[in-house]
C-alpha cells in the first residue's frame, strides 16, 4: 500500500463530515451485510467514518478491526473511542507497506475508497482470501473520479484470480461497487 497514493492524515477532515454522512450514510450502506456478533475488518479505515457505525451494528458480542497504513489515522479513531464502550469492540491494526498483516479471520471486510490506493492488487486479494472466513464477504466501493471502468474491470479479474467469487455489483450514487464472497472449493 504505497503511501504516494494514500489520502494523507492532513486531509482526514474531508473524510469524516456531515455532508459525506448525508451522501454516504454508513448505516444505510452496511445494513444488508453486517449483523450482531460478526468480526468485521474496516480496511483503510481512515479517521473511522465507517468504523464507529460498524461497531454499533456488531454490538458488544462482535469485533471491529480498524486497519490503516497510517498511524495518524488510527490515532484519530483511538481519540474518538477512548473512554467509550466502543473501546471494547474496536481494535486498531497498523498495516505494513505491502501487507495487511492480520493473523485472525473475519466475517466481513469493508474496503471503501481503498483498493485503488494499493499498488499490488493481486497480492492484496490473495491476502484477503486468507483473512476471510469461509462464506465471508467483502464489499469494495471505489470512487468514480479515481477508478475508470477499465480499471474496475481489471480489478474484478484480479478478484476472481484470487479465488473470490463476485456475488453482485450493488449500485449507489456514482460509485463502483462489488460484493465478494469466499467460497472454498470442495476437496476431491
C-alpha atoms as a PDB file:
ATOM      1  CA  UNK A   1       0.000   0.000   0.000  1.00  0.00           C
ATOM      2  CA  UNK A   2       2.193   2.731  -1.308  1.00  0.00           C
ATOM      3  CA  UNK A   3       1.960   5.941   0.647  1.00  0.00           C
ATOM      4  CA  UNK A   4       2.148   8.020  -2.552  1.00  0.00           C
ATOM      5  CA  UNK A   5      -1.493   7.316  -3.452  1.00  0.00           C
ATOM      6  CA  UNK A   6      -2.814   7.237   0.115  1.00  0.00           C
ATOM      7  CA  UNK A   7      -5.054  10.039   1.378  1.00  0.00           C
ATOM      8  CA  UNK A   8      -2.986  11.958   3.933  1.00  0.00           C
ATOM      9  CA  UNK A   9      -3.900  12.374   7.584  1.00  0.00           C
ATOM     10  CA  UNK A  10      -3.989  16.148   6.986  1.00  0.00           C
ATOM     11  CA  UNK A  11      -6.958  15.628   4.634  1.00  0.00           C
ATOM     12  CA  UNK A  12      -8.824  13.355   7.069  1.00  0.00           C
ATOM     13  CA  UNK A  13     -11.393  16.039   7.906  1.00  0.00           C
ATOM     14  CA  UNK A  14     -12.778  15.715   4.389  1.00  0.00           C
ATOM     15  CA  UNK A  15     -13.349  12.014   5.039  1.00  0.00           C
ATOM     16  CA  UNK A  16     -15.462  12.489   8.152  1.00  0.00           C
ATOM     17  CA  UNK A  17     -18.095  15.202   7.957  1.00  0.00           C
ATOM     18  CA  UNK A  18     -21.870  15.751   7.895  1.00  0.00           C
ATOM     19  CA  UNK A  19     -22.009  16.279   4.132  1.00  0.00           C
ATOM     20  CA  UNK A  20     -20.327  12.925   3.494  1.00  0.00           C
ATOM     21  CA  UNK A  21     -22.610  11.278   6.061  1.00  0.00           C
ATOM     22  CA  UNK A  22     -25.580  12.594   4.086  1.00  0.00           C
ATOM     23  CA  UNK A  23     -24.233  11.228   0.770  1.00  0.00           C
ATOM     24  CA  UNK A  24     -22.680   8.017   2.124  1.00  0.00           C
ATOM     25  CA  UNK A  25     -24.635   7.064   5.224  1.00  0.00           C
ATOM     26  CA  UNK A  26     -22.660   4.185   6.818  1.00  0.00           C
ATOM     27  CA  UNK A  27     -25.726   2.572   8.383  1.00  0.00           C
ATOM     28  CA  UNK A  28     -27.676   2.511   5.106  1.00  0.00           C
ATOM     29  CA  UNK A  29     -24.701   1.225   3.102  1.00  0.00           C
ATOM     30  CA  UNK A  30     -23.738  -1.544   5.548  1.00  0.00           C
ATOM     31  CA  UNK A  31     -27.105  -2.662   6.940  1.00  0.00           C
ATOM     32  CA  UNK A  32     -27.531  -5.502   4.389  1.00  0.00           C
ATOM     33  CA  UNK A  33     -24.133  -7.006   5.267  1.00  0.00           C
ATOM     34  CA  UNK A  34     -23.325  -6.609   8.964  1.00  0.00           C
ATOM     35  CA  UNK A  35     -25.051  -8.366  11.847  1.00  0.00           C
ATOM     36  CA  UNK A  36     -24.574  -8.504  15.567  1.00  0.00           C
ATOM     37  CA  UNK A  37     -21.732 -10.759  16.698  1.00  0.00           C
ATOM     38  CA  UNK A  38     -19.704 -10.535  13.481  1.00  0.00           C
ATOM     39  CA  UNK A  39     -15.986  -9.856  13.246  1.00  0.00           C
ATOM     40  CA  UNK A  40     -15.508  -7.061  10.714  1.00  0.00           C
ATOM     41  CA  UNK A  41     -12.369  -5.577   9.176  1.00  0.00           C
ATOM     42  CA  UNK A  42     -12.619  -1.914   8.152  1.00  0.00           C
ATOM     43  CA  UNK A  43      -9.681  -1.927   5.739  1.00  0.00           C
ATOM     44  CA  UNK A  44      -8.248   1.526   5.146  1.00  0.00           C
ATOM     45  CA  UNK A  45     -10.409   2.851   7.967  1.00  0.00           C
ATOM     46  CA  UNK A  46      -9.051   6.390   7.772  1.00  0.00           C
ATOM     47  CA  UNK A  47     -10.443   8.531  10.600  1.00  0.00           C
ATOM     48  CA  UNK A  48     -13.146   5.949  11.392  1.00  0.00           C
ATOM     49  CA  UNK A  49     -16.054   7.249   9.316  1.00  0.00           C
ATOM     50  CA  UNK A  50     -17.440   3.704   8.908  1.00  0.00           C
ATOM     51  CA  UNK A  51     -15.704   2.094  11.908  1.00  0.00           C
ATOM     52  CA  UNK A  52     -17.919   3.597  14.599  1.00  0.00           C
ATOM     53  CA  UNK A  53     -21.172   2.654  12.858  1.00  0.00           C
ATOM     54  CA  UNK A  54     -19.876  -0.868  12.172  1.00  0.00           C
ATOM     55  CA  UNK A  55     -19.166  -1.305  15.883  1.00  0.00           C
ATOM     56  CA  UNK A  56     -22.730  -0.306  16.748  1.00  0.00           C
ATOM     57  CA  UNK A  57     -24.012  -2.881  14.234  1.00  0.00           C
ATOM     58  CA  UNK A  58     -21.824  -5.740  15.517  1.00  0.00           C
ATOM     59  CA  UNK A  59     -22.687  -4.918  19.124  1.00  0.00           C
ATOM     60  CA  UNK A  60     -20.774  -5.981  22.204  1.00  0.00           C
ATOM     61  CA  UNK A  61     -20.690  -9.590  21.005  1.00  0.00           C
ATOM     62  CA  UNK A  62     -18.892  -8.528  17.819  1.00  0.00           C
ATOM     63  CA  UNK A  63     -15.467  -7.181  17.000  1.00  0.00           C
ATOM     64  CA  UNK A  64     -14.292  -4.475  14.621  1.00  0.00           C
ATOM     65  CA  UNK A  65     -10.719  -4.223  13.405  1.00  0.00           C
ATOM     66  CA  UNK A  66      -9.898  -0.719  12.203  1.00  0.00           C
ATOM     67  CA  UNK A  67      -6.876  -1.152   9.919  1.00  0.00           C
ATOM     68  CA  UNK A  68      -4.877   1.562   8.241  1.00  0.00           C
ATOM     69  CA  UNK A  69      -1.371   2.164   6.933  1.00  0.00           C
ATOM     70  CA  UNK A  70      -1.051   5.499   8.707  1.00  0.00           C
ATOM     71  CA  UNK A  71      -0.583   5.753  12.451  1.00  0.00           C
ATOM     72  CA  UNK A  72      -2.206   9.211  12.344  1.00  0.00           C
ATOM     73  CA  UNK A  73      -5.477   7.797  11.014  1.00  0.00           C
ATOM     74  CA  UNK A  74      -5.518   5.109  13.710  1.00  0.00           C
ATOM     75  CA  UNK A  75      -4.883   7.815  16.319  1.00  0.00           C
ATOM     76  CA  UNK A  76      -7.973   9.684  15.083  1.00  0.00           C
ATOM     77  CA  UNK A  77     -10.066   6.521  15.628  1.00  0.00           C
ATOM     78  CA  UNK A  78      -8.490   5.991  19.041  1.00  0.00           C
ATOM     79  CA  UNK A  79      -9.299   9.572  20.041  1.00  0.00           C
ATOM     80  CA  UNK A  80     -12.971   9.004  19.121  1.00  0.00           C
ATOM     81  CA  UNK A  81     -13.383   5.753  21.076  1.00  0.00           C
ATOM     82  CA  UNK A  82     -11.202   6.340  24.158  1.00  0.00           C
ATOM     83  CA  UNK A  83     -13.370   6.285  27.269  1.00  0.00           C
ATOM     84  CA  UNK A  84     -16.440   4.939  25.433  1.00  0.00           C
ATOM     85  CA  UNK A  85     -17.934   1.419  25.304  1.00  0.00           C
ATOM     86  CA  UNK A  86     -16.734   1.201  21.679  1.00  0.00           C
ATOM     87  CA  UNK A  87     -13.195   0.787  23.028  1.00  0.00           C
ATOM     88  CA  UNK A  88     -14.136  -2.804  23.934  1.00  0.00           C
ATOM     89  CA  UNK A  89     -15.390  -3.583  20.403  1.00  0.00           C
ATOM     90  CA  UNK A  90     -12.870  -1.786  18.166  1.00  0.00           C
ATOM     91  CA  UNK A  91      -9.239  -2.830  17.921  1.00  0.00           C
ATOM     92  CA  UNK A  92      -6.689  -0.842  15.955  1.00  0.00           C
ATOM     93  CA  UNK A  93      -4.304  -2.504  13.493  1.00  0.00           C
ATOM     94  CA  UNK A  94      -1.477  -0.835  11.586  1.00  0.00           C
ATOM     95  CA  UNK A  95      -0.907  -2.379   8.165  1.00  0.00           C
ATOM     96  CA  UNK A  96       2.522  -2.748   6.667  1.00  0.00           C
ATOM     97  CA  UNK A  97       3.571  -1.107   3.390  1.00  0.00           C
ATOM     98  CA  UNK A  98       2.532  -4.097   1.231  1.00  0.00           C
ATOM     99  CA  UNK A  99       0.675  -6.311   3.670  1.00  0.00           C
ATOM    100  CA  UNK A 100      -2.424  -6.167   5.837  1.00  0.00           C
ATOM    101  CA  UNK A 101      -0.750  -8.488   8.321  1.00  0.00           C
ATOM    102  CA  UNK A 102      -3.759  -9.858  10.229  1.00  0.00           C
ATOM    103  CA  UNK A 103      -3.484 -13.280  11.813  1.00  0.00           C
ATOM    104  CA  UNK A 104      -7.186 -13.739  12.563  1.00  0.00           C
ATOM    105  CA  UNK A 105     -10.046 -14.397  10.187  1.00  0.00           C
ATOM    106  CA  UNK A 106     -13.106 -12.195   9.756  1.00  0.00           C
ATOM    107  CA  UNK A 107     -16.725 -12.497   8.629  1.00  0.00           C
ATOM    108  CA  UNK A 108     -16.811  -9.296   6.603  1.00  0.00           C
ATOM    109  CA  UNK A 109     -14.374  -6.783   5.113  1.00  0.00           C
ATOM    110  CA  UNK A 110     -15.211  -3.247   4.074  1.00  0.00           C
ATOM    111  CA  UNK A 111     -12.793  -1.573   1.654  1.00  0.00           C
ATOM    112  CA  UNK A 112     -14.312   1.840   0.973  1.00  0.00           C
ATOM    113  CA  UNK A 113     -12.279   4.028  -1.413  1.00  0.00           C
ATOM    114  CA  UNK A 114      -9.238   1.879  -0.650  1.00  0.00           C
ATOM    115  CA  UNK A 115      -8.322  -0.656  -3.339  1.00  0.00           C
ATOM    116  CA  UNK A 116      -7.276   1.983  -5.907  1.00  0.00           C
ATOM    117  CA  UNK A 117      -4.552   3.069  -3.438  1.00  0.00           C
ATOM    118  CA  UNK A 118      -2.935  -0.392  -3.424  1.00  0.00           C
ATOM    119  CA  UNK A 119      -0.121  -0.871  -5.970  1.00  0.00           C
ATOM    120  CA  UNK A 120      -0.185  -4.708  -5.938  1.00  0.00           C
ATOM    121  CA  UNK A 121      -3.859  -5.669  -6.002  1.00  0.00           C
ATOM    122  CA  UNK A 122      -3.075  -9.304  -6.881  1.00  0.00           C
ATOM    123  CA  UNK A 123      -1.174  -9.643  -3.608  1.00  0.00           C
ATOM    124  CA  UNK A 124      -3.938  -7.790  -1.734  1.00  0.00           C
ATOM    125  CA  UNK A 125      -6.696 -10.139  -2.941  1.00  0.00           C
ATOM    126  CA  UNK A 126      -4.618 -13.248  -2.175  1.00  0.00           C
ATOM    127  CA  UNK A 127      -4.170 -11.995   1.386  1.00  0.00           C
ATOM    128  CA  UNK A 128      -7.866 -11.136   1.645  1.00  0.00           C
ATOM    129  CA  UNK A 129      -8.663 -14.725   0.654  1.00  0.00           C
ATOM    130  CA  UNK A 130      -6.695 -15.926   3.706  1.00  0.00           C
ATOM    131  CA  UNK A 131      -8.302 -13.357   6.044  1.00  0.00           C
ATOM    132  CA  UNK A 132     -11.934 -14.061   5.116  1.00  0.00           C
ATOM    133  CA  UNK A 133     -13.678 -16.963   6.803  1.00  0.00           C
ATOM    134  CA  UNK A 134     -15.309 -19.497   4.503  1.00  0.00           C
ATOM    135  CA  UNK A 135     -18.536 -17.862   3.355  1.00  0.00           C
ATOM    136  CA  UNK A 136     -17.220 -14.459   4.439  1.00  0.00           C
ATOM    137  CA  UNK A 137     -17.985 -11.420   2.331  1.00  0.00           C
ATOM    138  CA  UNK A 138     -16.231  -8.240   1.285  1.00  0.00           C
ATOM    139  CA  UNK A 139     -17.709  -5.009  -0.011  1.00  0.00           C
ATOM    140  CA  UNK A 140     -15.446  -2.897  -2.189  1.00  0.00           C
ATOM    141  CA  UNK A 141     -16.551   0.626  -3.062  1.00  0.00           C
ATOM    142  CA  UNK A 142     -14.380   2.689  -5.378  1.00  0.00           C
ATOM    143  CA  UNK A 143     -14.716   6.363  -6.330  1.00  0.00           C
ATOM    144  CA  UNK A 144     -15.617   7.132  -9.940  1.00  0.00           C
ATOM    145  CA  UNK A 145     -13.122  10.001 -10.077  1.00  0.00           C
ATOM    146  CA  UNK A 146     -10.136   7.701  -9.320  1.00  0.00           C
ATOM    147  CA  UNK A 147     -11.176   4.427 -10.954  1.00  0.00           C
ATOM    148  CA  UNK A 148     -12.102   4.068 -14.616  1.00  0.00           C
ATOM    149  CA  UNK A 149     -14.481   1.420 -15.908  1.00  0.00           C
ATOM    150  CA  UNK A 150     -11.500  -0.419 -17.432  1.00  0.00           C
ATOM    151  CA  UNK A 151      -9.582  -0.190 -14.141  1.00  0.00           C
ATOM    152  CA  UNK A 152     -12.578  -1.519 -12.223  1.00  0.00           C
ATOM    153  CA  UNK A 153     -12.989  -4.428 -14.667  1.00  0.00           C
ATOM    154  CA  UNK A 154      -9.281  -5.223 -14.308  1.00  0.00           C
ATOM    155  CA  UNK A 155      -9.770  -5.305 -10.532  1.00  0.00           C
ATOM    156  CA  UNK A 156     -12.703  -7.742 -10.951  1.00  0.00           C
ATOM    157  CA  UNK A 157     -10.430 -10.102 -12.891  1.00  0.00           C
ATOM    158  CA  UNK A 158      -7.837  -9.964 -10.101  1.00  0.00           C
ATOM    159  CA  UNK A 159     -10.568 -10.748  -7.563  1.00  0.00           C
ATOM    160  CA  UNK A 160     -11.618 -13.875  -9.438  1.00  0.00           C
ATOM    161  CA  UNK A 161      -7.978 -14.928  -9.966  1.00  0.00           C
ATOM    162  CA  UNK A 162      -7.529 -14.855  -6.177  1.00  0.00           C
ATOM    163  CA  UNK A 163     -10.369 -17.374  -5.763  1.00  0.00           C
ATOM    164  CA  UNK A 164     -13.016 -14.935  -4.568  1.00  0.00           C
ATOM    165  CA  UNK A 165     -16.472 -15.063  -6.103  1.00  0.00           C
ATOM    166  CA  UNK A 166     -18.246 -11.934  -7.281  1.00  0.00           C
ATOM    167  CA  UNK A 167     -21.757 -12.045  -5.793  1.00  0.00           C
ATOM    168  CA  UNK A 168     -23.153  -8.755  -7.070  1.00  0.00           C
ATOM    169  CA  UNK A 169     -22.334  -5.235  -8.132  1.00  0.00           C
ATOM    170  CA  UNK A 170     -24.533  -3.065  -5.888  1.00  0.00           C
ATOM    171  CA  UNK A 171     -25.407   0.378  -7.187  1.00  0.00           C
ATOM    172  CA  UNK A 172     -25.055   3.621  -5.297  1.00  0.00           C
ATOM    173  CA  UNK A 173     -24.628   7.234  -6.273  1.00  0.00           C
ATOM    174  CA  UNK A 174     -21.762   7.346  -8.823  1.00  0.00           C
ATOM    175  CA  UNK A 175     -19.588   4.722  -7.067  1.00  0.00           C
ATOM    176  CA  UNK A 176     -18.278   1.472  -8.494  1.00  0.00           C
ATOM    177  CA  UNK A 177     -19.068  -1.401  -6.115  1.00  0.00           C
ATOM    178  CA  UNK A 178     -18.643  -5.132  -5.873  1.00  0.00           C
ATOM    179  CA  UNK A 179     -19.670  -7.675  -3.230  1.00  0.00           C
ATOM    180  CA  UNK A 180     -17.375 -10.702  -2.952  1.00  0.00           C
ATOM    181  CA  UNK A 181     -17.664 -13.994  -1.142  1.00  0.00           C
ATOM    182  CA  UNK A 182     -15.054 -16.549  -0.174  1.00  0.00           C
ATOM    183  CA  UNK A 183     -16.238 -19.914  -1.341  1.00  0.00           C
ATOM    184  CA  UNK A 184     -13.886 -22.765  -0.649  1.00  0.00           C
ATOM    185  CA  UNK A 185     -13.609 -25.295  -3.409  1.00  0.00           C
ATOM    186  CA  UNK A 186     -14.617 -28.778  -2.287  1.00  0.00           C
ATOM    187  CA  UNK A 187     -11.816 -31.195  -1.515  1.00  0.00           C
ATOM    188  CA  UNK A 188     -11.719 -34.061  -4.005  1.00  0.00           C
END
